[in-house]
Each structure stands twice: as structure tokens, then as C-alpha cells.
């Protein structure tokens, strides 16, 4: 896979960028593109070759869109996750999941896969004190701090057994508990 910085270096060249642009809409015809660009065919062939070697253009001269998707996924995210979000008894893999779904202290999306969603919900339930009863509006307010779809988060937490509810009152019934200080 081409690293994001290598991709940027490749497309900073106007000829390679033109070849990549053409490959996005149709197979590259070297002679035609060279004429349109006012360049020698050899220059376009070299650009095409470097893009193929980088895995951006397939053997038919078309853009490999999956390669672009992989480059986009490898790009660094915007704001890093707050260290407070990562505090707790998380494994390395769980920390990676949390870092993927949080920017700053905000949950940028609710994971679609149940396993990743469970890790995120397990982190969110840490905001609720064991033994404390919360009115539904308080739960909503607490979850809105992380994500606007508080209702889905609340429902997922109840379904997963992290929160229990009765008569509009919620309390924490699951999740990891910090060991008592010795």
C-alpha cells in the first residue's frame, strides 16, 4: 500500500496528477493524453509507470479506487482522542478502537459492528457511578456530551446490560469497575 505522504509526493507532479485524473474516468490512452498535455509520450509513460508501481493504476490503465480508499484510511485523523477517554483498564486493541471512534472527547460515530460498539459503550458507561440512580433526562444530557444520538447510545447500553432501567430511572449495572484503593 502507498503511504499517504508518498501519495502526495506522487500527485504533486502535474503530469502524474493528469494521468491519475484520466485513469479515474477512463483507461489511459498514452498518445492521446500526451497530445492533450502537450508532452512527449515518454513523459506520460513514465508517469503512468510510477503510478502503476505505487498500485494506484491497474494493468488496464484505470484508477484502482480501493488503493485510494486504503490511503484515506491510513491518513492521520484530525484531533487526537483525549487521554481521559483512554484512561482505564483497556487492552491495546480496545485503545485502538476507542482512538478510532473518538476525536477529542466526542464520539464521532457509533460503531456498526457489535464488538466495537461494545467497547465504546463500555467506555461510556464509565461516566455513570455505580449505585447512583439517574433520571432519563440526566442520562440523555450525559450521553449528549459524547454524541448527539443519545437515545441510541442509551438503548444500546440497556440492551448490553451496562445500564438498567425502571420507571424512567437508570442505574449502572455493568461495565468494568475500578478496583478499590488499598
Protein backbone atom coordinates (compact mmCIF):
# COMPACT_ATOMS: atom_id res chain seq x y z
CA UNK A 1 0.00 0.00 0.00
CA UNK A 2 1.14 3.53 -0.76
CA UNK A 3 1.55 5.69 2.31
CA UNK A 4 -0.39 8.98 2.36
CA UNK A 5 2.79 11.07 2.20
CA UNK A 6 4.09 9.04 -0.75
CA UNK A 7 0.76 9.53 -2.48
CA UNK A 8 1.01 13.29 -2.01
CA UNK A 9 4.54 13.31 -3.41
CA UNK A 10 3.33 11.39 -6.44
CA UNK A 11 0.42 13.67 -7.26
CA UNK A 12 2.36 16.89 -6.73
CA UNK A 13 3.73 16.30 -10.21
CA UNK A 14 1.22 17.80 -12.68
CA UNK A 15 1.75 15.08 -15.29
CA UNK A 16 1.19 12.26 -12.82
CA UNK A 17 -1.84 14.10 -11.49
CA UNK A 18 -3.23 14.41 -15.01
CA UNK A 19 -2.64 10.70 -15.64
CA UNK A 20 -4.33 9.80 -12.38
CA UNK A 21 -7.26 12.08 -13.21
CA UNK A 22 -7.68 10.47 -16.63
CA UNK A 23 -7.46 7.00 -15.11
CA UNK A 24 -10.31 7.93 -12.78
CA UNK A 25 -12.71 8.34 -15.73
CA UNK A 26 -11.31 6.00 -18.38
CA UNK A 27 -8.36 3.84 -19.29
CA UNK A 28 -5.31 5.97 -20.03
CA UNK A 29 -4.51 6.32 -23.74
CA UNK A 30 -0.87 7.45 -23.59
CA UNK A 31 -0.70 9.01 -27.05
CA UNK A 32 -3.96 10.93 -26.72
CA UNK A 33 -3.15 12.21 -23.23
CA UNK A 34 0.36 13.24 -24.31
CA UNK A 35 -1.14 15.26 -27.16
CA UNK A 36 -3.70 16.89 -24.87
CA UNK A 37 -0.99 17.80 -22.36
CA UNK A 38 1.49 18.93 -24.99
CA UNK A 39 4.05 16.47 -23.63
CA UNK A 40 6.13 13.72 -25.17
CA UNK A 41 4.65 10.23 -24.93
CA UNK A 42 7.68 9.08 -22.93
CA UNK A 43 6.84 11.57 -20.13
CA UNK A 44 3.28 10.23 -19.87
CA UNK A 45 4.54 6.60 -19.97
CA UNK A 46 6.93 7.35 -17.09
CA UNK A 47 4.15 8.96 -15.08
CA UNK A 48 1.82 6.04 -15.78
CA UNK A 49 4.55 3.58 -14.80
CA UNK A 50 5.25 5.29 -11.47
CA UNK A 51 1.52 5.31 -10.65
CA UNK A 52 1.26 1.62 -11.53
CA UNK A 53 4.27 0.81 -9.35
CA UNK A 54 2.57 2.64 -6.49
CA UNK A 55 -0.52 0.47 -7.01
CA UNK A 56 -2.75 3.38 -7.96
CA UNK A 57 -3.43 2.33 -11.54
CA UNK A 58 -4.23 -1.22 -12.55
CA UNK A 59 -2.99 -3.14 -15.59
CA UNK A 60 -5.82 -1.83 -17.76
CA UNK A 61 -4.80 1.78 -17.13
CA UNK A 62 -7.70 2.53 -14.77
CA UNK A 63 -7.60 4.02 -11.30
CA UNK A 64 -7.62 1.43 -8.52
CA UNK A 65 -10.20 3.03 -6.22
CA UNK A 66 -9.57 0.53 -3.44
CA UNK A 67 -5.98 1.78 -3.28
CA UNK A 68 -7.27 5.31 -2.72
CA UNK A 69 -9.61 4.10 0.00
CA UNK A 70 -6.71 2.38 1.77
CA UNK A 71 -4.63 5.55 1.54
CA UNK A 72 -7.51 7.57 3.00
CA UNK A 73 -7.87 5.11 5.88
CA UNK A 74 -4.16 5.38 6.61
CA UNK A 75 -4.27 9.16 6.82
CA UNK A 76 -3.88 10.56 10.29
CA UNK A 77 -7.13 11.62 11.88
CA UNK A 78 -7.83 15.17 12.89
CA UNK A 79 -7.93 15.89 16.57
CA UNK A 80 -6.48 13.05 18.64
CA UNK A 81 -8.54 11.33 21.27
CA UNK A 82 -8.39 12.89 24.75
CA UNK A 83 -6.19 10.91 27.10
CA UNK A 84 -9.09 10.83 29.58
CA UNK A 85 -11.10 8.73 27.12
CA UNK A 86 -8.30 6.15 27.09
CA UNK A 87 -7.88 6.03 30.87
CA UNK A 88 -8.95 2.77 32.36
CA UNK A 89 -8.43 -0.95 32.05
CA UNK A 90 -8.26 -1.07 28.22
CA UNK A 91 -6.20 -3.52 26.22
CA UNK A 92 -4.08 -2.27 23.33
CA UNK A 93 -6.75 -3.40 20.85
CA UNK A 94 -9.50 -1.68 22.81
CA UNK A 95 -7.48 1.54 22.94
CA UNK A 96 -7.17 1.38 19.16
CA UNK A 97 -10.94 1.02 18.81
CA UNK A 98 -11.53 3.96 21.14
CA UNK A 99 -8.98 6.07 19.27
CA UNK A 100 -10.74 5.22 16.01
CA UNK A 101 -14.17 6.38 17.18
CA UNK A 102 -13.33 9.35 19.39
CA UNK A 103 -11.97 12.78 18.39
CA UNK A 104 -11.12 14.83 21.40
CA UNK A 105 -13.76 13.66 23.86
CA UNK A 106 -16.51 13.32 21.22
CA UNK A 107 -17.73 10.07 19.76
CA UNK A 108 -17.60 10.74 16.01
CA UNK A 109 -19.72 7.74 15.07
CA UNK A 110 -21.41 4.83 16.75
CA UNK A 111 -19.64 1.68 15.57
CA UNK A 112 -21.69 -0.57 13.33
CA UNK A 113 -20.08 -3.79 14.49
CA UNK A 114 -21.31 -5.13 17.80
CA UNK A 115 -17.84 -5.88 19.18
CA UNK A 116 -16.52 -2.38 18.56
CA UNK A 117 -19.77 -0.81 19.74
CA UNK A 118 -19.50 -2.81 22.99
CA UNK A 119 -16.02 -1.36 23.64
CA UNK A 120 -17.27 2.19 23.04
CA UNK A 121 -20.33 1.63 25.25
CA UNK A 122 -18.15 0.07 27.92
CA UNK A 123 -16.14 3.30 27.89
CA UNK A 124 -19.24 5.50 28.06
CA UNK A 125 -20.73 3.61 31.00
CA UNK A 126 -17.65 4.62 32.98
CA UNK A 127 -19.28 8.06 33.22
CA UNK A 128 -22.03 6.60 35.43
CA UNK A 129 -21.32 5.98 39.10
CA UNK A 130 -22.29 2.54 40.39
CA UNK A 131 -25.15 2.76 42.88
CA UNK A 132 -26.36 6.17 41.67
CA UNK A 133 -29.87 6.49 40.18
CA UNK A 134 -30.18 8.79 37.15
CA UNK A 135 -33.33 10.33 35.71
CA UNK A 136 -33.67 9.71 31.96
CA UNK A 137 -33.07 13.39 31.17
CA UNK A 138 -29.79 13.24 33.12
CA UNK A 139 -28.68 10.15 31.19
CA UNK A 140 -29.57 11.94 27.94
CA UNK A 141 -27.62 15.01 28.96
CA UNK A 142 -24.56 12.95 29.93
CA UNK A 143 -24.58 10.99 26.67
CA UNK A 144 -25.17 14.10 24.52
CA UNK A 145 -21.78 15.34 25.68
CA UNK A 146 -20.30 12.48 23.65
CA UNK A 147 -22.71 12.10 20.71
CA UNK A 148 -25.99 13.69 19.56
CA UNK A 149 -27.78 10.33 19.21
CA UNK A 150 -28.10 9.81 22.97
CA UNK A 151 -31.23 7.67 22.54
CA UNK A 152 -29.38 5.01 20.55
CA UNK A 153 -26.48 5.04 22.98
CA UNK A 154 -28.85 4.69 25.93
CA UNK A 155 -30.76 1.84 24.26
CA UNK A 156 -27.55 0.00 23.34
CA UNK A 157 -26.28 0.36 26.90
CA UNK A 158 -29.50 -1.08 28.33
CA UNK A 159 -29.56 -3.92 25.78
CA UNK A 160 -25.95 -4.77 26.59
CA UNK A 161 -26.69 -4.83 30.33
CA UNK A 162 -24.46 -1.87 31.13
CA UNK A 163 -27.41 0.19 32.37
CA UNK A 164 -30.70 -0.97 33.83
CA UNK A 165 -33.93 0.98 33.83
CA UNK A 166 -37.26 1.08 35.59
CA UNK A 167 -39.88 3.84 35.65
CA UNK A 168 -37.67 6.36 33.81
CA UNK A 169 -34.76 5.85 36.22
CA UNK A 170 -31.45 4.34 35.14
CA UNK A 171 -28.52 2.89 37.06
CA UNK A 172 -25.24 1.29 36.13
CA UNK A 173 -25.35 -2.50 36.26
CA UNK A 174 -22.40 -3.45 34.12
CA UNK A 175 -19.06 -2.47 32.79
CA UNK A 176 -15.65 -2.64 34.31
CA UNK A 177 -15.21 -1.39 37.80
CA UNK A 178 -12.04 0.16 39.08
CA UNK A 179 -10.57 -1.87 41.93
CA UNK A 180 -10.90 -0.18 45.31
CA UNK A 181 -7.85 1.73 46.52
CA UNK A 182 -5.86 -0.28 49.03
